[in-house]
Amino acid sequence: MKQLLLVMMSFLFAAQASAACPQNISFGDIPFEKNSSYFASQYAKQLQKLIEQTQADTGYLLLEFPLNKGETNKKLRDYNLWLANRRIERVKTFLTKADYNQPVITKLLTASKQDTRTLSIHWCQQDESETAIASATTSGRHQLK
């Protein structure tokens, strides 16, 4: 029960952190082909560089994918939502397989007016108060185990 509570608290902290990214460092975009959730190998190199540059830093990774909700066909809208989530999951799976240990927050930008297939990657450095909260949460987790 205590572990579940800690996971929920961590999720709430992550959700609050996603509201603002005060020191936003862009690591570029990853484009996807139409109807595909796979990205080209050159973007794997981009992700590897991101891992090397942020692994020891304090902050979190923000993955943003704009989703055009202007589509009137419900089946097409549902497919686009599924595909957007699948694209995000591909990037998260890559990071997981590379033993990336920083928090990753994802955002679907549902008010997008453009039809795009690009995932934007941002590194959000935490300020001192966010770092203190994260440290307290982490130390609390270790004490309860």
N, C-alpha and C. Protein backbone atom coordinates (compact mmCIF):
# COMPACT_ATOMS: atom_id res chain seq x y z
N MET A 1 0.82 -1.19 0.00
CA MET A 1 0.00 0.00 0.00
C MET A 1 0.87 1.27 0.00
N LYS A 2 1.95 1.24 0.82
CA LYS A 2 2.82 2.41 0.89
C LYS A 2 3.51 2.65 -0.44
N GLN A 3 3.90 1.56 -1.12
CA GLN A 3 4.55 1.72 -2.41
C GLN A 3 3.60 2.31 -3.43
N LEU A 4 2.34 1.90 -3.41
CA LEU A 4 1.34 2.45 -4.33
C LEU A 4 1.16 3.94 -4.07
N LEU A 5 1.11 4.30 -2.81
CA LEU A 5 0.96 5.71 -2.46
C LEU A 5 2.15 6.53 -2.97
N LEU A 6 3.36 5.99 -2.83
CA LEU A 6 4.55 6.70 -3.30
C LEU A 6 4.55 6.83 -4.81
N VAL A 7 4.11 5.79 -5.51
CA VAL A 7 4.03 5.88 -6.96
C VAL A 7 3.03 6.96 -7.36
N MET A 8 1.91 7.01 -6.67
CA MET A 8 0.90 8.05 -6.97
C MET A 8 1.46 9.44 -6.68
N MET A 9 2.20 9.58 -5.57
CA MET A 9 2.79 10.88 -5.26
C MET A 9 3.80 11.29 -6.32
N SER A 10 4.61 10.34 -6.77
CA SER A 10 5.59 10.63 -7.82
C SER A 10 4.88 11.07 -9.09
N PHE A 11 3.77 10.40 -9.41
CA PHE A 11 3.00 10.77 -10.60
C PHE A 11 2.45 12.18 -10.47
N LEU A 12 1.92 12.51 -9.29
CA LEU A 12 1.39 13.86 -9.09
C LEU A 12 2.48 14.90 -9.23
N PHE A 13 3.68 14.61 -8.69
CA PHE A 13 4.79 15.54 -8.83
C PHE A 13 5.13 15.72 -10.30
N ALA A 14 5.19 14.62 -11.04
CA ALA A 14 5.51 14.69 -12.46
C ALA A 14 4.46 15.47 -13.22
N ALA A 15 3.19 15.27 -12.88
CA ALA A 15 2.11 15.99 -13.56
C ALA A 15 2.22 17.48 -13.32
N GLN A 16 2.58 17.88 -12.07
CA GLN A 16 2.74 19.29 -11.78
C GLN A 16 3.94 19.86 -12.53
N ALA A 17 4.99 19.06 -12.64
CA ALA A 17 6.20 19.53 -13.31
C ALA A 17 5.94 19.78 -14.79
N SER A 18 5.00 19.06 -15.37
CA SER A 18 4.75 19.22 -16.79
C SER A 18 4.06 20.53 -17.11
N ALA A 19 3.49 21.19 -16.11
CA ALA A 19 2.77 22.43 -16.35
C ALA A 19 3.71 23.55 -16.77
N ALA A 20 4.96 23.48 -16.32
CA ALA A 20 5.92 24.54 -16.64
C ALA A 20 7.28 23.94 -16.91
N CYS A 21 7.96 24.54 -17.84
CA CYS A 21 9.32 24.11 -18.17
C CYS A 21 10.16 25.38 -18.24
N PRO A 22 10.53 25.93 -17.06
CA PRO A 22 11.16 27.24 -17.02
C PRO A 22 12.49 27.33 -17.76
N GLN A 23 13.30 26.27 -17.70
CA GLN A 23 14.59 26.30 -18.39
C GLN A 23 14.55 25.25 -19.49
N ASN A 24 13.76 25.53 -20.50
CA ASN A 24 13.50 24.61 -21.60
C ASN A 24 14.67 24.60 -22.58
N ILE A 25 15.27 23.42 -22.72
CA ILE A 25 16.35 23.25 -23.70
C ILE A 25 15.83 22.30 -24.77
N SER A 26 15.72 22.78 -25.98
CA SER A 26 15.19 21.95 -27.07
C SER A 26 16.26 21.00 -27.59
N PHE A 27 15.87 19.74 -27.73
CA PHE A 27 16.74 18.74 -28.33
C PHE A 27 16.21 18.34 -29.70
N GLY A 28 15.47 19.24 -30.32
CA GLY A 28 15.00 19.01 -31.67
C GLY A 28 13.73 18.21 -31.76
N ASP A 29 13.45 17.78 -32.95
CA ASP A 29 12.22 17.06 -33.26
C ASP A 29 12.55 15.71 -33.89
N ILE A 30 11.62 14.80 -33.75
CA ILE A 30 11.73 13.51 -34.44
C ILE A 30 10.52 13.38 -35.36
N PRO A 31 10.74 13.44 -36.66
CA PRO A 31 9.62 13.28 -37.60
C PRO A 31 9.31 11.81 -37.84
N PHE A 32 8.06 11.55 -38.13
CA PHE A 32 7.60 10.20 -38.45
C PHE A 32 6.96 10.21 -39.83
N GLU A 33 7.11 9.13 -40.55
CA GLU A 33 6.45 8.99 -41.85
C GLU A 33 4.95 8.85 -41.63
N LYS A 34 4.20 9.13 -42.65
CA LYS A 34 2.74 9.02 -42.58
C LYS A 34 2.37 7.58 -42.22
N ASN A 35 1.45 7.42 -41.28
CA ASN A 35 0.93 6.13 -40.81
C ASN A 35 2.01 5.22 -40.21
N SER A 36 3.08 5.79 -39.70
CA SER A 36 4.16 4.99 -39.13
C SER A 36 4.50 5.47 -37.72
N SER A 37 4.89 4.54 -36.86
CA SER A 37 5.36 4.91 -35.52
C SER A 37 6.86 4.66 -35.38
N TYR A 38 7.53 4.39 -36.48
CA TYR A 38 8.97 4.16 -36.45
C TYR A 38 9.71 5.42 -36.88
N PHE A 39 10.85 5.67 -36.22
CA PHE A 39 11.65 6.82 -36.61
C PHE A 39 12.96 6.34 -37.23
N ALA A 40 13.54 7.18 -38.07
CA ALA A 40 14.76 6.83 -38.79
C ALA A 40 15.94 6.71 -37.83
N SER A 41 16.94 5.90 -38.21
CA SER A 41 18.09 5.64 -37.34
C SER A 41 18.87 6.90 -36.99
N GLN A 42 18.86 7.89 -37.85
CA GLN A 42 19.57 9.13 -37.53
C GLN A 42 19.01 9.78 -36.26
N TYR A 43 17.73 9.54 -35.96
CA TYR A 43 17.14 10.13 -34.76
C TYR A 43 17.48 9.31 -33.52
N ALA A 44 17.85 8.06 -33.71
CA ALA A 44 18.36 7.26 -32.60
C ALA A 44 19.68 7.88 -32.12
N LYS A 45 20.48 8.35 -33.05
CA LYS A 45 21.73 9.03 -32.69
C LYS A 45 21.44 10.32 -31.92
N GLN A 46 20.40 11.04 -32.34
CA GLN A 46 19.99 12.26 -31.66
C GLN A 46 19.55 11.93 -30.23
N LEU A 47 18.79 10.86 -30.06
CA LEU A 47 18.35 10.45 -28.72
C LEU A 47 19.53 10.00 -27.86
N GLN A 48 20.48 9.32 -28.46
CA GLN A 48 21.65 8.88 -27.71
C GLN A 48 22.45 10.08 -27.21
N LYS A 49 22.57 11.10 -28.03
CA LYS A 49 23.26 12.33 -27.63
C LYS A 49 22.51 12.99 -26.46
N LEU A 50 21.19 13.02 -26.55
CA LEU A 50 20.37 13.58 -25.48
C LEU A 50 20.61 12.81 -24.18
N ILE A 51 20.65 11.49 -24.25
CA ILE A 51 20.89 10.66 -23.07
C ILE A 51 22.23 11.02 -22.44
N GLU A 52 23.26 11.12 -23.25
CA GLU A 52 24.59 11.43 -22.74
C GLU A 52 24.64 12.81 -22.08
N GLN A 53 23.91 13.77 -22.63
CA GLN A 53 23.97 15.14 -22.12
C GLN A 53 23.08 15.37 -20.90
N THR A 54 22.06 14.55 -20.68
CA THR A 54 21.12 14.81 -19.59
C THR A 54 21.13 13.76 -18.49
N GLN A 55 21.81 12.65 -18.69
CA GLN A 55 21.75 11.54 -17.74
C GLN A 55 22.17 11.95 -16.33
N ALA A 56 23.16 12.81 -16.20
CA ALA A 56 23.66 13.21 -14.88
C ALA A 56 23.08 14.55 -14.43
N ASP A 57 22.20 15.14 -15.20
CA ASP A 57 21.63 16.46 -14.89
C ASP A 57 20.40 16.30 -14.00
N THR A 58 19.92 17.42 -13.46
CA THR A 58 18.71 17.42 -12.65
C THR A 58 17.59 18.04 -13.47
N GLY A 59 16.58 17.26 -13.72
CA GLY A 59 15.44 17.75 -14.50
C GLY A 59 14.63 16.60 -15.03
N TYR A 60 13.89 16.87 -16.09
CA TYR A 60 13.07 15.83 -16.71
C TYR A 60 12.96 16.08 -18.21
N LEU A 61 12.65 15.03 -18.91
CA LEU A 61 12.50 15.09 -20.35
C LEU A 61 11.02 15.27 -20.67
N LEU A 62 10.73 16.19 -21.56
CA LEU A 62 9.36 16.46 -21.97
C LEU A 62 9.21 16.11 -23.45
N LEU A 63 8.32 15.18 -23.75
CA LEU A 63 8.02 14.79 -25.12
C LEU A 63 6.65 15.35 -25.48
N GLU A 64 6.59 16.19 -26.52
CA GLU A 64 5.33 16.81 -26.93
C GLU A 64 4.97 16.40 -28.35
N PHE A 65 3.72 16.01 -28.51
CA PHE A 65 3.25 15.64 -29.83
C PHE A 65 1.95 16.37 -30.11
N PRO A 66 1.94 17.25 -31.14
CA PRO A 66 0.70 17.95 -31.48
C PRO A 66 -0.28 17.01 -32.18
N LEU A 67 -1.51 17.09 -31.79
CA LEU A 67 -2.55 16.24 -32.36
C LEU A 67 -3.66 17.13 -32.88
N ASN A 68 -3.89 17.06 -34.18
CA ASN A 68 -4.93 17.87 -34.81
C ASN A 68 -6.28 17.27 -34.48
N LYS A 69 -7.04 17.95 -33.64
CA LYS A 69 -8.36 17.47 -33.25
C LYS A 69 -9.46 18.00 -34.16
N GLY A 70 -9.08 18.67 -35.24
CA GLY A 70 -10.06 19.23 -36.15
C GLY A 70 -10.73 18.18 -37.03
N GLU A 71 -10.23 16.96 -36.99
CA GLU A 71 -10.79 15.88 -37.80
C GLU A 71 -12.20 15.57 -37.34
N THR A 72 -13.15 15.49 -38.27
CA THR A 72 -14.55 15.23 -37.92
C THR A 72 -14.89 13.74 -37.95
N ASN A 73 -14.13 12.94 -38.66
CA ASN A 73 -14.37 11.50 -38.73
C ASN A 73 -13.86 10.85 -37.44
N LYS A 74 -14.77 10.27 -36.64
CA LYS A 74 -14.39 9.70 -35.34
C LYS A 74 -13.37 8.58 -35.48
N LYS A 75 -13.52 7.71 -36.47
CA LYS A 75 -12.56 6.61 -36.64
C LYS A 75 -11.17 7.15 -36.94
N LEU A 76 -11.10 8.16 -37.78
CA LEU A 76 -9.81 8.75 -38.13
C LEU A 76 -9.21 9.48 -36.92
N ARG A 77 -10.05 10.16 -36.16
CA ARG A 77 -9.60 10.85 -34.95
C ARG A 77 -9.04 9.85 -33.94
N ASP A 78 -9.74 8.73 -33.75
CA ASP A 78 -9.27 7.69 -32.83
C ASP A 78 -7.96 7.08 -33.31
N TYR A 79 -7.86 6.85 -34.62
CA TYR A 79 -6.62 6.30 -35.18
C TYR A 79 -5.46 7.26 -34.97
N ASN A 80 -5.68 8.54 -35.21
CA ASN A 80 -4.61 9.53 -35.03
C ASN A 80 -4.17 9.61 -33.57
N LEU A 81 -5.11 9.50 -32.65
CA LEU A 81 -4.77 9.49 -31.23
C LEU A 81 -3.95 8.25 -30.89
N TRP A 82 -4.38 7.09 -31.38
CA TRP A 82 -3.65 5.85 -31.15
C TRP A 82 -2.23 5.95 -31.72
N LEU A 83 -2.12 6.47 -32.94
CA LEU A 83 -0.81 6.58 -33.59
C LEU A 83 0.10 7.56 -32.86
N ALA A 84 -0.45 8.67 -32.39
CA ALA A 84 0.35 9.64 -31.62
C ALA A 84 0.91 8.99 -30.36
N ASN A 85 0.08 8.26 -29.66
CA ASN A 85 0.54 7.57 -28.45
C ASN A 85 1.57 6.50 -28.78
N ARG A 86 1.40 5.83 -29.89
CA ARG A 86 2.34 4.79 -30.31
C ARG A 86 3.70 5.40 -30.64
N ARG A 87 3.70 6.56 -31.27
CA ARG A 87 4.95 7.25 -31.60
C ARG A 87 5.70 7.66 -30.33
N ILE A 88 4.96 8.17 -29.37
CA ILE A 88 5.56 8.54 -28.08
C ILE A 88 6.14 7.30 -27.41
N GLU A 89 5.40 6.22 -27.44
CA GLU A 89 5.86 4.97 -26.81
C GLU A 89 7.14 4.44 -27.47
N ARG A 90 7.27 4.61 -28.78
CA ARG A 90 8.51 4.17 -29.46
C ARG A 90 9.72 4.90 -28.90
N VAL A 91 9.58 6.21 -28.70
CA VAL A 91 10.69 6.99 -28.16
C VAL A 91 10.96 6.59 -26.71
N LYS A 92 9.91 6.43 -25.92
CA LYS A 92 10.08 6.02 -24.53
C LYS A 92 10.72 4.63 -24.44
N THR A 93 10.35 3.72 -25.33
CA THR A 93 10.94 2.39 -25.34
C THR A 93 12.43 2.47 -25.66
N PHE A 94 12.79 3.31 -26.61
CA PHE A 94 14.21 3.51 -26.94
C PHE A 94 14.97 3.98 -25.70
N LEU A 95 14.41 4.96 -25.00
CA LEU A 95 15.06 5.50 -23.81
C LEU A 95 15.18 4.44 -22.72
N THR A 96 14.14 3.65 -22.54
CA THR A 96 14.16 2.59 -21.53
C THR A 96 15.23 1.56 -21.85
N LYS A 97 15.30 1.15 -23.09
CA LYS A 97 16.31 0.16 -23.49
C LYS A 97 17.73 0.69 -23.33
N ALA A 98 17.88 2.01 -23.39
CA ALA A 98 19.19 2.63 -23.21
C ALA A 98 19.48 2.93 -21.73
N ASP A 99 18.63 2.42 -20.84
CA ASP A 99 18.78 2.63 -19.39
C ASP A 99 18.76 4.09 -18.99
N TYR A 100 17.93 4.86 -19.67
CA TYR A 100 17.77 6.28 -19.33
C TYR A 100 17.02 6.36 -18.01
N ASN A 101 17.60 7.04 -17.02
CA ASN A 101 17.00 7.03 -15.69
C ASN A 101 16.35 8.34 -15.27
N GLN A 102 16.22 9.28 -16.17
CA GLN A 102 15.58 10.55 -15.84
C GLN A 102 14.06 10.43 -16.06
N PRO A 103 13.28 11.24 -15.33
CA PRO A 103 11.83 11.22 -15.55
C PRO A 103 11.48 11.67 -16.97
N VAL A 104 10.48 11.04 -17.55
CA VAL A 104 10.00 11.39 -18.89
C VAL A 104 8.52 11.72 -18.79
N ILE A 105 8.17 12.91 -19.22
CA ILE A 105 6.78 13.36 -19.21
C ILE A 105 6.33 13.54 -20.65
N THR A 106 5.14 13.09 -20.95
CA THR A 106 4.62 13.21 -22.31
C THR A 106 3.40 14.11 -22.32
N LYS A 107 3.24 14.81 -23.43
CA LYS A 107 2.12 15.73 -23.60
C LYS A 107 1.57 15.59 -25.01
N LEU A 108 0.27 15.37 -25.10
CA LEU A 108 -0.40 15.46 -26.39
C LEU A 108 -1.02 16.84 -26.47
N LEU A 109 -0.61 17.61 -27.44
CA LEU A 109 -1.12 18.97 -27.62
C LEU A 109 -2.38 18.88 -28.49
N THR A 110 -3.51 18.80 -27.84
CA THR A 110 -4.75 18.48 -28.55
C THR A 110 -5.42 19.67 -29.22
N ALA A 111 -4.87 20.83 -29.09
CA ALA A 111 -5.47 22.00 -29.73
C ALA A 111 -4.72 22.42 -30.99
N SER A 112 -3.92 21.53 -31.51
CA SER A 112 -3.10 21.86 -32.67
C SER A 112 -3.97 22.12 -33.90
N LYS A 113 -3.61 23.14 -34.63
CA LYS A 113 -4.32 23.48 -35.87
C LYS A 113 -3.61 22.90 -37.08
N GLN A 114 -2.40 22.38 -36.87
CA GLN A 114 -1.62 21.87 -37.98
C GLN A 114 -1.63 20.35 -38.00
N ASP A 115 -1.45 19.81 -39.17
CA ASP A 115 -1.35 18.37 -39.33
C ASP A 115 0.13 18.04 -39.41
N THR A 116 0.67 17.50 -38.33
CA THR A 116 2.10 17.24 -38.26
C THR A 116 2.35 15.82 -37.75
N ARG A 117 3.53 15.33 -38.02
CA ARG A 117 3.93 14.00 -37.54
C ARG A 117 5.28 14.12 -36.84
N THR A 118 5.44 15.14 -36.03
CA THR A 118 6.73 15.43 -35.40
C THR A 118 6.59 15.46 -33.89
N LEU A 119 7.49 14.73 -33.22
CA LEU A 119 7.56 14.71 -31.77
C LEU A 119 8.67 15.68 -31.35
N SER A 120 8.33 16.64 -30.51
CA SER A 120 9.32 17.61 -30.01
C SER A 120 9.89 17.13 -28.69
N ILE A 121 11.21 17.30 -28.53
CA ILE A 121 11.91 16.84 -27.34
C ILE A 121 12.52 18.04 -26.62
N HIS A 122 12.21 18.15 -25.33
CA HIS A 122 12.71 19.26 -24.52
C HIS A 122 13.29 18.72 -23.22
N TRP A 123 14.39 19.31 -22.78
CA TRP A 123 14.94 19.02 -21.47
C TRP A 123 14.55 20.17 -20.56
N CYS A 124 13.93 19.85 -19.45
CA CYS A 124 13.47 20.86 -18.50
C CYS A 124 14.29 20.74 -17.23
N GLN A 125 15.17 21.71 -17.03
CA GLN A 125 15.99 21.70 -15.82
C GLN A 125 15.13 22.14 -14.65
N GLN A 126 15.31 21.47 -13.53
CA GLN A 126 14.54 21.81 -12.34
C GLN A 126 15.24 22.91 -11.57
N ASP A 127 14.42 23.76 -10.94
CA ASP A 127 15.02 24.76 -10.07
C ASP A 127 15.25 24.12 -8.69
N GLU A 128 15.80 24.88 -7.76
CA GLU A 128 16.19 24.32 -6.47
C GLU A 128 15.01 23.77 -5.68
N SER A 129 13.84 24.43 -5.71
CA SER A 129 12.70 23.93 -4.93
C SER A 129 12.19 22.61 -5.50
N GLU A 130 12.16 22.47 -6.82
CA GLU A 130 11.72 21.21 -7.42
C GLU A 130 12.72 20.09 -7.10
N THR A 131 14.01 20.41 -7.08
CA THR A 131 15.02 19.42 -6.75
C THR A 131 14.86 18.96 -5.31
N ALA A 132 14.56 19.88 -4.41
CA ALA A 132 14.37 19.53 -3.00
C ALA A 132 13.16 18.60 -2.83
N ILE A 133 12.08 18.88 -3.54
CA ILE A 133 10.88 18.03 -3.47
C ILE A 133 11.20 16.65 -4.01
N ALA A 134 11.89 16.59 -5.13
CA ALA A 134 12.25 15.30 -5.73
C ALA A 134 13.16 14.51 -4.79
N SER A 135 14.11 15.19 -4.15
CA SER A 135 15.02 14.52 -3.23
C SER A 135 14.27 13.98 -2.02
N ALA A 136 13.34 14.77 -1.49
CA ALA A 136 12.55 14.32 -0.34
C ALA A 136 11.70 13.12 -0.71
N THR A 137 11.11 13.14 -1.90
CA THR A 137 10.29 12.02 -2.36
C THR A 137 11.16 10.77 -2.53
N THR A 138 12.33 10.93 -3.11
CA THR A 138 13.22 9.79 -3.33
C THR A 138 13.71 9.23 -2.00
N SER A 139 14.13 10.09 -1.06
CA SER A 139 14.61 9.59 0.22
C SER A 139 13.48 8.93 1.00
N GLY A 140 12.28 9.42 0.87
CA GLY A 140 11.13 8.80 1.52
C GLY A 140 10.87 7.41 0.98
N ARG A 141 11.07 7.23 -0.32
CA ARG A 141 10.88 5.92 -0.93
C ARG A 141 11.86 4.91 -0.36
N HIS A 142 13.10 5.33 -0.19
CA HIS A 142 14.12 4.41 0.30
C HIS A 142 13.85 4.02 1.75
N GLN A 143 13.30 4.92 2.55
CA GLN A 143 13.04 4.61 3.94
C GLN A 143 11.89 3.62 4.11
N LEU A 144 10.92 3.63 3.20
CA LEU A 144 9.75 2.78 3.34
C LEU A 144 9.96 1.38 2.82
N LYS A 145 10.98 1.14 2.07
CA LYS A 145 11.20 -0.19 1.49
C LYS A 145 11.58 -1.20 2.53
